[in-house]
Amino acid sequence: MDRRQLAEFLRDRRARVQPGDVGLTAGARRRTPGLRREEVAGLAGISVDYYARLEQARGPRPSRQVLSALARALRLYDDERAHLYRLAGEVPDAPAGPSRDVPAGVLHLLDRLDDTPAYVIDVKYDILAWNWMAAALLGDPSTWPADRRNIIWNLFTGEHSAAALTNPQSAAFAAECVADLRAAAAQFPRDPGIRQLIARLRAASPEFVRRWEQLEVCVRRGTTIKQVHHPVVGDLTLECEVLDVAGHGQRLIIYGARPETPTADALKLLSVVGTDWTASLPG
């Protein structure tokens, strides 16, 4: 165990986490950046004295349970979490599953993309966060039941799934989704959410079963072209960019349009239409 480096690492990461990132109020009398020691200790469920001694390089060797709690409290990425374990003389555990906590910086970016549909999914295609333009384009996920905020589930079990999957673009997307889900199941074999989703899909969709048994594995990357029909603004040709959110098992999906095209004009109209057109689940 390297007490000095562990202490330096904890102090540095504590200073990088803002109170708002963990649901705390900053207050007016905060003199140092980031969290206070007592706030980290409270989030991790350990005593303030114990945590203070760790930061002073004079504490005992922390258990794996304490290290895991500190990693969550300090919002560490996977690589940072592994480094924390190694500094304490432990072999890092593999992450049990993808994080559902979208980084604050990504949430701020979603808000700033006020003319571009964008949303965040995890590796099993649960929709975790979205901006109002995404809701205007696809429907408002806040109005859907929580267990239906999954793109793969809606693709294979939605009201219009059978017809949609005969479309070449939708069929190709379905193949990518199933292969992605298989890769996620291998990456996070202990994640209950992934196991439950696969079981539900196998029980509900013979088409999913057929594709699942093909054993394809891939990870979606790069820019693709999406043809989307919107009930108000019509047909859209969108450039879909998929960006990894490093260390979280998440992806940021951004839909854009080439300037001075009918789709660019349609997106401007969509920003006026908003979400008034529907509050229903996608088909």
C-alpha atoms as a PDB file:
ATOM      1  CA  MET A   1       0.000   0.000   0.000  1.00  0.00           C
ATOM      2  CA  ASP A   2       1.371   3.419  -0.995  1.00  0.00           C
ATOM      3  CA  ARG A   3      -0.109   5.691   1.683  1.00  0.00           C
ATOM      4  CA  ARG A   4       1.408   8.908   0.312  1.00  0.00           C
ATOM      5  CA  GLN A   5       0.163   8.443  -3.243  1.00  0.00           C
ATOM      6  CA  LEU A   6      -3.212   7.215  -2.014  1.00  0.00           C
ATOM      7  CA  ALA A   7      -3.583  10.364   0.111  1.00  0.00           C
ATOM      8  CA  GLU A   8      -2.624  12.610  -2.806  1.00  0.00           C
ATOM      9  CA  PHE A   9      -5.033  10.840  -5.137  1.00  0.00           C
ATOM     10  CA  LEU A  10      -7.958  11.116  -2.702  1.00  0.00           C
ATOM     11  CA  ARG A  11      -7.326  14.827  -2.079  1.00  0.00           C
ATOM     12  CA  ASP A  12      -7.060  15.542  -5.796  1.00  0.00           C
ATOM     13  CA  ARG A  13     -10.242  13.671  -6.756  1.00  0.00           C
ATOM     14  CA  ARG A  14     -12.178  15.184  -3.848  1.00  0.00           C
ATOM     15  CA  ALA A  15     -11.317  18.656  -5.157  1.00  0.00           C
ATOM     16  CA  ARG A  16     -12.655  17.772  -8.607  1.00  0.00           C
ATOM     17  CA  VAL A  17     -16.146  16.727  -7.513  1.00  0.00           C
ATOM     18  CA  GLN A  18     -18.604  19.597  -7.174  1.00  0.00           C
ATOM     19  CA  PRO A  19     -21.393  19.425  -4.578  1.00  0.00           C
ATOM     20  CA  GLY A  20     -24.022  19.590  -7.299  1.00  0.00           C
ATOM     21  CA  ASP A  21     -22.537  16.494  -8.949  1.00  0.00           C
ATOM     22  CA  VAL A  22     -23.588  14.413  -5.928  1.00  0.00           C
ATOM     23  CA  GLY A  23     -26.840  16.158  -5.073  1.00  0.00           C
ATOM     24  CA  LEU A  24     -25.437  18.486  -2.389  1.00  0.00           C
ATOM     25  CA  THR A  25     -25.937  22.225  -2.021  1.00  0.00           C
ATOM     26  CA  ALA A  26     -22.729  24.245  -2.310  1.00  0.00           C
ATOM     27  CA  GLY A  27     -23.686  26.973   0.182  1.00  0.00           C
ATOM     28  CA  ALA A  28     -22.048  30.391   0.524  1.00  0.00           C
ATOM     29  CA  ARG A  29     -19.209  29.631   2.978  1.00  0.00           C
ATOM     30  CA  ARG A  30     -17.310  27.041   0.927  1.00  0.00           C
ATOM     31  CA  ARG A  31     -13.646  28.141   0.817  1.00  0.00           C
ATOM     32  CA  THR A  32     -12.064  25.193  -1.012  1.00  0.00           C
ATOM     33  CA  PRO A  33     -12.945  23.642  -4.375  1.00  0.00           C
ATOM     34  CA  GLY A  34     -14.818  20.364  -4.540  1.00  0.00           C
ATOM     35  CA  LEU A  35     -16.247  18.425  -1.628  1.00  0.00           C
ATOM     36  CA  ARG A  36     -15.418  18.667   2.055  1.00  0.00           C
ATOM     37  CA  ARG A  37     -13.900  15.669   3.833  1.00  0.00           C
ATOM     38  CA  GLU A  38     -17.041  15.153   5.883  1.00  0.00           C
ATOM     39  CA  GLU A  39     -19.116  15.104   2.695  1.00  0.00           C
ATOM     40  CA  VAL A  40     -16.989  12.369   1.129  1.00  0.00           C
ATOM     41  CA  ALA A  41     -17.101  10.394   4.365  1.00  0.00           C
ATOM     42  CA  GLY A  42     -20.884  10.710   4.512  1.00  0.00           C
ATOM     43  CA  LEU A  43     -21.336   9.644   0.897  1.00  0.00           C
ATOM     44  CA  ALA A  44     -19.034   6.651   1.443  1.00  0.00           C
ATOM     45  CA  GLY A  45     -20.592   5.656   4.776  1.00  0.00           C
ATOM     46  CA  ILE A  46     -17.372   5.882   6.779  1.00  0.00           C
ATOM     47  CA  SER A  47     -16.317   8.081   9.701  1.00  0.00           C
ATOM     48  CA  VAL A  48     -14.860  11.534   9.049  1.00  0.00           C
ATOM     49  CA  ASP A  49     -11.839  10.691  11.220  1.00  0.00           C
ATOM     50  CA  TYR A  50     -11.129   7.514   9.217  1.00  0.00           C
ATOM     51  CA  TYR A  51     -11.302   9.383   5.925  1.00  0.00           C
ATOM     52  CA  ALA A  52      -9.180  12.262   7.233  1.00  0.00           C
ATOM     53  CA  ARG A  53      -6.441   9.817   8.237  1.00  0.00           C
ATOM     54  CA  LEU A  54      -6.465   8.332   4.733  1.00  0.00           C
ATOM     55  CA  GLU A  55      -5.919  11.800   3.251  1.00  0.00           C
ATOM     56  CA  GLN A  56      -3.140  12.431   5.774  1.00  0.00           C
ATOM     57  CA  ALA A  57      -1.296   9.244   4.727  1.00  0.00           C
ATOM     58  CA  ARG A  58      -1.583   7.740   8.208  1.00  0.00           C
ATOM     59  CA  GLY A  59      -4.693   5.589   7.940  1.00  0.00           C
ATOM     60  CA  PRO A  60      -4.984   1.794   7.963  1.00  0.00           C
ATOM     61  CA  ARG A  61      -5.220  -0.175   4.768  1.00  0.00           C
ATOM     62  CA  PRO A  62      -8.820   0.303   3.529  1.00  0.00           C
ATOM     63  CA  SER A  63     -10.924  -2.750   2.810  1.00  0.00           C
ATOM     64  CA  ARG A  64     -12.299  -3.522  -0.634  1.00  0.00           C
ATOM     65  CA  GLN A  65     -15.731  -2.442   0.627  1.00  0.00           C
ATOM     66  CA  VAL A  66     -14.377   0.951   1.676  1.00  0.00           C
ATOM     67  CA  LEU A  67     -12.521   1.381  -1.627  1.00  0.00           C
ATOM     68  CA  SER A  68     -15.689   0.621  -3.555  1.00  0.00           C
ATOM     69  CA  ALA A  69     -17.633   3.151  -1.476  1.00  0.00           C
ATOM     70  CA  LEU A  70     -14.962   5.823  -1.984  1.00  0.00           C
ATOM     71  CA  ALA A  71     -14.930   5.203  -5.737  1.00  0.00           C
ATOM     72  CA  ARG A  72     -18.700   5.792  -5.848  1.00  0.00           C
ATOM     73  CA  ALA A  73     -18.531   8.862  -3.618  1.00  0.00           C
ATOM     74  CA  LEU A  74     -15.783  10.451  -5.717  1.00  0.00           C
ATOM     75  CA  ARG A  75     -17.475   9.544  -9.037  1.00  0.00           C
ATOM     76  CA  LEU A  76     -14.346   7.773 -10.289  1.00  0.00           C
ATOM     77  CA  TYR A  77     -14.093   6.506 -13.833  1.00  0.00           C
ATOM     78  CA  ASP A  78     -13.224   2.821 -14.275  1.00  0.00           C
ATOM     79  CA  ASP A  79      -9.509   3.522 -14.807  1.00  0.00           C
ATOM     80  CA  GLU A  80      -9.411   5.827 -11.765  1.00  0.00           C
ATOM     81  CA  ARG A  81     -11.225   3.226  -9.693  1.00  0.00           C
ATOM     82  CA  ALA A  82      -8.678   0.577 -10.701  1.00  0.00           C
ATOM     83  CA  HIS A  83      -5.847   2.986  -9.797  1.00  0.00           C
ATOM     84  CA  LEU A  84      -7.380   3.592  -6.360  1.00  0.00           C
ATOM     85  CA  TYR A  85      -7.445  -0.147  -5.691  1.00  0.00           C
ATOM     86  CA  ARG A  86      -3.829  -0.584  -6.770  1.00  0.00           C
ATOM     87  CA  LEU A  87      -2.628   2.272  -4.563  1.00  0.00           C
ATOM     88  CA  ALA A  88      -4.262   0.469  -1.636  1.00  0.00           C
ATOM     89  CA  GLY A  89      -2.548  -2.783  -2.582  1.00  0.00           C
ATOM     90  CA  GLU A  90      -5.683  -4.452  -3.933  1.00  0.00           C
ATOM     91  CA  VAL A  91      -6.492  -6.032  -7.271  1.00  0.00           C
ATOM     92  CA  PRO A  92      -9.410  -4.041  -8.729  1.00  0.00           C
ATOM     93  CA  ASP A  93     -12.744  -5.755  -9.234  1.00  0.00           C
ATOM     94  CA  ALA A  94     -14.284  -5.681 -12.679  1.00  0.00           C
ATOM     95  CA  PRO A  95     -17.238  -3.249 -12.787  1.00  0.00           C
ATOM     96  CA  ALA A  96     -20.465  -5.114 -12.011  1.00  0.00           C
ATOM     97  CA  GLY A  97     -22.400  -3.184 -14.633  1.00  0.00           C
ATOM     98  CA  PRO A  98     -22.759   0.070 -16.553  1.00  0.00           C
ATOM     99  CA  SER A  99     -23.307   3.214 -14.532  1.00  0.00           C
ATOM    100  CA  ARG A 100     -26.730   4.872 -14.560  1.00  0.00           C
ATOM    101  CA  ASP A 101     -25.273   8.174 -13.321  1.00  0.00           C
ATOM    102  CA  VAL A 102     -24.722  10.439 -16.330  1.00  0.00           C
ATOM    103  CA  PRO A 103     -21.712  12.713 -15.729  1.00  0.00           C
ATOM    104  CA  ALA A 104     -22.616  16.314 -14.967  1.00  0.00           C
ATOM    105  CA  GLY A 105     -20.556  17.554 -17.921  1.00  0.00           C
ATOM    106  CA  VAL A 106     -22.576  15.392 -20.317  1.00  0.00           C
ATOM    107  CA  LEU A 107     -25.845  16.677 -18.827  1.00  0.00           C
ATOM    108  CA  HIS A 108     -24.639  20.252 -19.315  1.00  0.00           C
ATOM    109  CA  LEU A 109     -23.755  19.425 -22.928  1.00  0.00           C
ATOM    110  CA  LEU A 110     -27.260  18.041 -23.526  1.00  0.00           C
ATOM    111  CA  ASP A 111     -28.745  21.305 -22.269  1.00  0.00           C
ATOM    112  CA  ARG A 112     -26.490  23.369 -24.533  1.00  0.00           C
ATOM    113  CA  LEU A 113     -27.504  21.407 -27.631  1.00  0.00           C
ATOM    114  CA  ASP A 114     -30.756  23.345 -27.801  1.00  0.00           C
ATOM    115  CA  ASP A 115     -31.169  22.940 -31.579  1.00  0.00           C
ATOM    116  CA  THR A 116     -29.936  19.343 -31.881  1.00  0.00           C
ATOM    117  CA  PRO A 117     -31.656  16.140 -30.706  1.00  0.00           C
ATOM    118  CA  ALA A 118     -29.371  14.252 -28.322  1.00  0.00           C
ATOM    119  CA  TYR A 119     -29.718  11.618 -25.620  1.00  0.00           C
ATOM    120  CA  VAL A 120     -27.647   9.225 -23.504  1.00  0.00           C
ATOM    121  CA  ILE A 121     -28.052   5.455 -23.395  1.00  0.00           C
ATOM    122  CA  ASP A 122     -26.193   2.763 -21.508  1.00  0.00           C
ATOM    123  CA  VAL A 123     -24.811  -0.396 -23.121  1.00  0.00           C
ATOM    124  CA  LYS A 124     -28.161  -2.171 -22.865  1.00  0.00           C
ATOM    125  CA  TYR A 125     -29.882   0.774 -24.603  1.00  0.00           C
ATOM    126  CA  ASP A 126     -31.708   2.154 -21.577  1.00  0.00           C
ATOM    127  CA  ILE A 127     -32.404   5.858 -22.181  1.00  0.00           C
ATOM    128  CA  LEU A 128     -30.801   7.672 -19.231  1.00  0.00           C
ATOM    129  CA  ALA A 129     -30.981  11.354 -20.215  1.00  0.00           C
ATOM    130  CA  TRP A 130     -32.179  13.456 -23.128  1.00  0.00           C
ATOM    131  CA  ASN A 131     -32.646  17.039 -24.219  1.00  0.00           C
ATOM    132  CA  TRP A 132     -35.923  18.628 -25.218  1.00  0.00           C
ATOM    133  CA  MET A 133     -35.116  18.365 -28.944  1.00  0.00           C
ATOM    134  CA  ALA A 134     -34.763  14.579 -28.599  1.00  0.00           C
ATOM    135  CA  ALA A 135     -38.154  14.505 -26.891  1.00  0.00           C
ATOM    136  CA  ALA A 136     -39.598  16.625 -29.708  1.00  0.00           C
ATOM    137  CA  LEU A 137     -38.192  14.232 -32.319  1.00  0.00           C
ATOM    138  CA  LEU A 138     -38.826  10.842 -30.706  1.00  0.00           C
ATOM    139  CA  GLY A 139     -41.426  11.465 -27.998  1.00  0.00           C
ATOM    140  CA  ASP A 140     -40.915  12.414 -24.365  1.00  0.00           C
ATOM    141  CA  PRO A 141     -39.385   9.505 -22.389  1.00  0.00           C
ATOM    142  CA  SER A 142     -40.473  11.127 -19.116  1.00  0.00           C
ATOM    143  CA  THR A 143     -44.049  10.152 -20.006  1.00  0.00           C
ATOM    144  CA  TRP A 144     -43.167   6.475 -20.604  1.00  0.00           C
ATOM    145  CA  PRO A 145     -43.135   3.783 -17.899  1.00  0.00           C
ATOM    146  CA  ALA A 146     -39.602   3.377 -16.557  1.00  0.00           C
ATOM    147  CA  ASP A 147     -39.359  -0.234 -17.737  1.00  0.00           C
ATOM    148  CA  ARG A 148     -40.191   0.858 -21.303  1.00  0.00           C
ATOM    149  CA  ARG A 149     -37.379   3.407 -21.647  1.00  0.00           C
ATOM    150  CA  ASN A 150     -35.286   0.921 -23.574  1.00  0.00           C
ATOM    151  CA  ILE A 151     -34.680   1.211 -27.297  1.00  0.00           C
ATOM    152  CA  ILE A 152     -34.216  -2.523 -27.921  1.00  0.00           C
ATOM    153  CA  TRP A 153     -37.400  -3.419 -26.030  1.00  0.00           C
ATOM    154  CA  ASN A 154     -39.428  -0.886 -28.018  1.00  0.00           C
ATOM    155  CA  LEU A 155     -37.820  -2.001 -31.280  1.00  0.00           C
ATOM    156  CA  PHE A 156     -38.797  -5.655 -30.814  1.00  0.00           C
ATOM    157  CA  THR A 157     -42.044  -5.382 -28.832  1.00  0.00           C
ATOM    158  CA  GLY A 158     -43.545  -2.049 -29.878  1.00  0.00           C
ATOM    159  CA  GLU A 159     -46.966  -1.776 -31.502  1.00  0.00           C
ATOM    160  CA  HIS A 160     -45.489  -1.430 -34.998  1.00  0.00           C
ATOM    161  CA  SER A 161     -42.425  -3.655 -34.526  1.00  0.00           C
ATOM    162  CA  ALA A 162     -43.408  -6.347 -37.018  1.00  0.00           C
ATOM    163  CA  ALA A 163     -43.859  -3.849 -39.834  1.00  0.00           C
ATOM    164  CA  ALA A 164     -40.828  -1.757 -38.842  1.00  0.00           C
ATOM    165  CA  LEU A 165     -38.462  -4.737 -38.864  1.00  0.00           C
ATOM    166  CA  THR A 166     -39.268  -5.404 -42.534  1.00  0.00           C
ATOM    167  CA  ASN A 167     -37.669  -2.040 -43.340  1.00  0.00           C
ATOM    168  CA  PRO A 168     -33.996  -2.582 -44.320  1.00  0.00           C
ATOM    169  CA  GLN A 169     -32.761   0.306 -42.168  1.00  0.00           C
ATOM    170  CA  SER A 170     -34.687  -0.880 -39.105  1.00  0.00           C
ATOM    171  CA  ALA A 171     -33.628  -4.487 -39.699  1.00  0.00           C
ATOM    172  CA  ALA A 172     -29.961  -3.463 -39.878  1.00  0.00           C
ATOM    173  CA  PHE A 173     -30.351  -1.399 -36.718  1.00  0.00           C
ATOM    174  CA  ALA A 174     -31.997  -4.361 -34.965  1.00  0.00           C
ATOM    175  CA  ALA A 175     -29.042  -6.569 -35.876  1.00  0.00           C
ATOM    176  CA  GLU A 176     -26.631  -3.972 -34.443  1.00  0.00           C
ATOM    177  CA  CYS A 177     -28.664  -3.679 -31.238  1.00  0.00           C
ATOM    178  CA  VAL A 178     -28.760  -7.426 -30.622  1.00  0.00           C
ATOM    179  CA  ALA A 179     -25.041  -7.780 -31.307  1.00  0.00           C
ATOM    180  CA  ASP A 180     -24.333  -4.824 -28.997  1.00  0.00           C
ATOM    181  CA  LEU A 181     -26.436  -6.415 -26.252  1.00  0.00           C
ATOM    182  CA  ARG A 182     -24.506  -9.672 -26.563  1.00  0.00           C
ATOM    183  CA  ALA A 183     -21.232  -7.753 -26.226  1.00  0.00           C
ATOM    184  CA  ALA A 184     -22.614  -5.954 -23.155  1.00  0.00           C
ATOM    185  CA  ALA A 185     -23.653  -9.270 -21.590  1.00  0.00           C
ATOM    186  CA  ALA A 186     -20.084 -10.529 -21.981  1.00  0.00           C
ATOM    187  CA  GLN A 187     -18.583  -7.276 -20.663  1.00  0.00           C
ATOM    188  CA  PHE A 188     -20.866  -7.161 -17.602  1.00  0.00           C
ATOM    189  CA  PRO A 189     -21.823 -10.799 -16.883  1.00  0.00           C
ATOM    190  CA  ARG A 190     -23.016  -9.980 -13.337  1.00  0.00           C
ATOM    191  CA  ASP A 191     -25.294  -7.077 -14.246  1.00  0.00           C
ATOM    192  CA  PRO A 192     -28.898  -8.016 -13.342  1.00  0.00           C
ATOM    193  CA  GLY A 193     -30.403  -5.381 -15.634  1.00  0.00           C
ATOM    194  CA  ILE A 194     -28.781  -6.891 -18.722  1.00  0.00           C
ATOM    195  CA  ARG A 195     -29.803 -10.424 -17.735  1.00  0.00           C
ATOM    196  CA  GLN A 196     -33.398  -9.352 -17.067  1.00  0.00           C
ATOM    197  CA  LEU A 197     -33.683  -7.486 -20.363  1.00  0.00           C
ATOM    198  CA  ILE A 198     -32.448 -10.493 -22.339  1.00  0.00           C
ATOM    199  CA  ALA A 199     -34.884 -12.788 -20.517  1.00  0.00           C
ATOM    200  CA  ARG A 200     -37.818 -10.432 -21.163  1.00  0.00           C
ATOM    201  CA  LEU A 201     -36.933 -10.115 -24.850  1.00  0.00           C
ATOM    202  CA  ARG A 202     -36.548 -13.866 -25.283  1.00  0.00           C
ATOM    203  CA  ALA A 203     -39.984 -14.382 -23.743  1.00  0.00           C
ATOM    204  CA  ALA A 204     -41.698 -11.628 -25.730  1.00  0.00           C
ATOM    205  CA  SER A 205     -40.121 -11.614 -29.198  1.00  0.00           C
ATOM    206  CA  PRO A 206     -39.437 -14.624 -31.460  1.00  0.00           C
ATOM    207  CA  GLU A 207     -37.654 -12.226 -33.823  1.00  0.00           C
ATOM    208  CA  PHE A 208     -35.252 -11.256 -31.036  1.00  0.00           C
ATOM    209  CA  VAL A 209     -34.642 -14.940 -30.282  1.00  0.00           C
ATOM    210  CA  ARG A 210     -33.877 -15.620 -33.936  1.00  0.00           C
ATOM    211  CA  ARG A 211     -31.329 -12.807 -34.060  1.00  0.00           C
ATOM    212  CA  TRP A 212     -29.885 -13.600 -30.625  1.00  0.00           C
ATOM    213  CA  GLU A 213     -29.134 -17.175 -31.668  1.00  0.00           C
ATOM    214  CA  GLN A 214     -27.056 -15.929 -34.607  1.00  0.00           C
ATOM    215  CA  LEU A 215     -24.324 -15.096 -32.036  1.00  0.00           C
ATOM    216  CA  GLU A 216     -23.278 -11.854 -33.728  1.00  0.00           C
ATOM    217  CA  VAL A 217     -21.150  -9.456 -31.668  1.00  0.00           C
ATOM    218  CA  CYS A 218     -20.293  -5.864 -32.517  1.00  0.00           C
ATOM    219  CA  VAL A 219     -20.022  -2.435 -30.930  1.00  0.00           C
ATOM    220  CA  ARG A 220     -21.694   0.461 -32.751  1.00  0.00           C
ATOM    221  CA  ARG A 221     -19.360   3.320 -33.630  1.00  0.00           C
ATOM    222  CA  GLY A 222     -19.095   6.314 -35.929  1.00  0.00           C
ATOM    223  CA  THR A 223     -21.584   8.232 -38.027  1.00  0.00           C
ATOM    224  CA  THR A 224     -24.611   6.653 -39.689  1.00  0.00           C
ATOM    225  CA  ILE A 225     -27.498   8.084 -41.692  1.00  0.00           C
ATOM    226  CA  LYS A 226     -30.978   7.708 -40.225  1.00  0.00           C
ATOM    227  CA  GLN A 227     -34.219   8.180 -42.132  1.00  0.00           C
ATOM    228  CA  VAL A 228     -36.902   9.280 -39.666  1.00  0.00           C
ATOM    229  CA  HIS A 229     -40.529  10.123 -40.374  1.00  0.00           C
ATOM    230  CA  HIS A 230     -41.955  12.669 -37.956  1.00  0.00           C
ATOM    231  CA  PRO A 231     -45.758  13.027 -37.829  1.00  0.00           C
ATOM    232  CA  VAL A 232     -45.583  16.835 -37.922  1.00  0.00           C
ATOM    233  CA  VAL A 233     -42.412  17.940 -39.741  1.00  0.00           C
ATOM    234  CA  GLY A 234     -42.258  14.999 -42.157  1.00  0.00           C
ATOM    235  CA  ASP A 235     -39.299  12.987 -43.439  1.00  0.00           C
ATOM    236  CA  LEU A 236     -35.833  13.687 -42.013  1.00  0.00           C
ATOM    237  CA  THR A 237     -32.393  12.546 -43.139  1.00  0.00           C
ATOM    238  CA  LEU A 238     -30.276  12.725 -39.992  1.00  0.00           C
ATOM    239  CA  GLU A 239     -26.588  12.122 -39.346  1.00  0.00           C
ATOM    240  CA  CYS A 240     -26.372   9.998 -36.198  1.00  0.00           C
ATOM    241  CA  GLU A 241     -23.140  10.307 -34.221  1.00  0.00           C
ATOM    242  CA  VAL A 242     -22.420   7.794 -31.427  1.00  0.00           C
ATOM    243  CA  LEU A 243     -19.865   8.950 -28.838  1.00  0.00           C
ATOM    244  CA  ASP A 244     -18.606   6.866 -25.922  1.00  0.00           C
ATOM    245  CA  VAL A 245     -18.840   8.391 -22.431  1.00  0.00           C
ATOM    246  CA  ALA A 246     -15.505   7.116 -21.148  1.00  0.00           C
ATOM    247  CA  GLY A 247     -15.551   4.929 -18.064  1.00  0.00           C
ATOM    248  CA  HIS A 248     -19.343   4.817 -17.658  1.00  0.00           C
ATOM    249  CA  GLY A 249     -20.633   2.194 -20.096  1.00  0.00           C
ATOM    250  CA  GLN A 250     -22.689   4.939 -21.746  1.00  0.00           C
ATOM    251  CA  ARG A 251     -23.031   6.544 -25.177  1.00  0.00           C
ATOM    252  CA  LEU A 252     -24.090   9.994 -26.250  1.00  0.00           C
ATOM    253  CA  ILE A 253     -26.282   9.905 -29.374  1.00  0.00           C
ATOM    254  CA  ILE A 254     -26.471  13.109 -31.423  1.00  0.00           C
ATOM    255  CA  TYR A 255     -28.732  13.656 -34.450  1.00  0.00           C
ATOM    256  CA  GLY A 256     -27.619  16.393 -36.844  1.00  0.00           C
ATOM    257  CA  ALA A 257     -28.446  17.671 -40.321  1.00  0.00           C
ATOM    258  CA  ARG A 258     -26.392  19.172 -43.109  1.00  0.00           C
ATOM    259  CA  PRO A 259     -26.810  22.964 -43.315  1.00  0.00           C
ATOM    260  CA  GLU A 260     -29.283  24.417 -45.771  1.00  0.00           C
ATOM    261  CA  THR A 261     -31.121  21.143 -46.359  1.00  0.00           C
ATOM    262  CA  PRO A 262     -34.815  20.321 -45.928  1.00  0.00           C
ATOM    263  CA  THR A 263     -33.917  18.347 -42.797  1.00  0.00           C
ATOM    264  CA  ALA A 264     -32.142  21.367 -41.289  1.00  0.00           C
ATOM    265  CA  ASP A 265     -35.278  23.424 -41.927  1.00  0.00           C
ATOM    266  CA  ALA A 266     -37.432  20.655 -40.436  1.00  0.00           C
ATOM    267  CA  LEU A 267     -35.328  20.650 -37.250  1.00  0.00           C
ATOM    268  CA  LYS A 268     -35.867  24.398 -36.909  1.00  0.00           C
ATOM    269  CA  LEU A 269     -39.609  23.811 -37.196  1.00  0.00           C
ATOM    270  CA  LEU A 270     -39.352  20.967 -34.699  1.00  0.00           C
ATOM    271  CA  SER A 271     -37.822  23.342 -32.155  1.00  0.00           C
ATOM    272  CA  VAL A 272     -41.068  25.326 -32.384  1.00  0.00           C
ATOM    273  CA  VAL A 273     -43.394  22.292 -32.383  1.00  0.00           C
ATOM    274  CA  GLY A 274     -41.739  20.793 -29.287  1.00  0.00           C
ATOM    275  CA  THR A 275     -43.385  17.798 -27.626  1.00  0.00           C
ATOM    276  CA  ASP A 276     -47.009  18.845 -28.075  1.00  0.00           C
ATOM    277  CA  TRP A 277     -47.500  16.374 -30.920  1.00  0.00           C
ATOM    278  CA  THR A 278     -47.406  13.232 -28.761  1.00  0.00           C
ATOM    279  CA  ALA A 279     -46.807  11.736 -25.348  1.00  0.00           C
ATOM    280  CA  SER A 280     -47.061   8.135 -26.446  1.00  0.00           C
ATOM    281  CA  LEU A 281     -44.519   5.341 -26.623  1.00  0.00           C
ATOM    282  CA  PRO A 282     -42.659   4.978 -29.937  1.00  0.00           C
ATOM    283  CA  GLY A 283     -43.853   2.229 -32.227  1.00  0.00           C
END
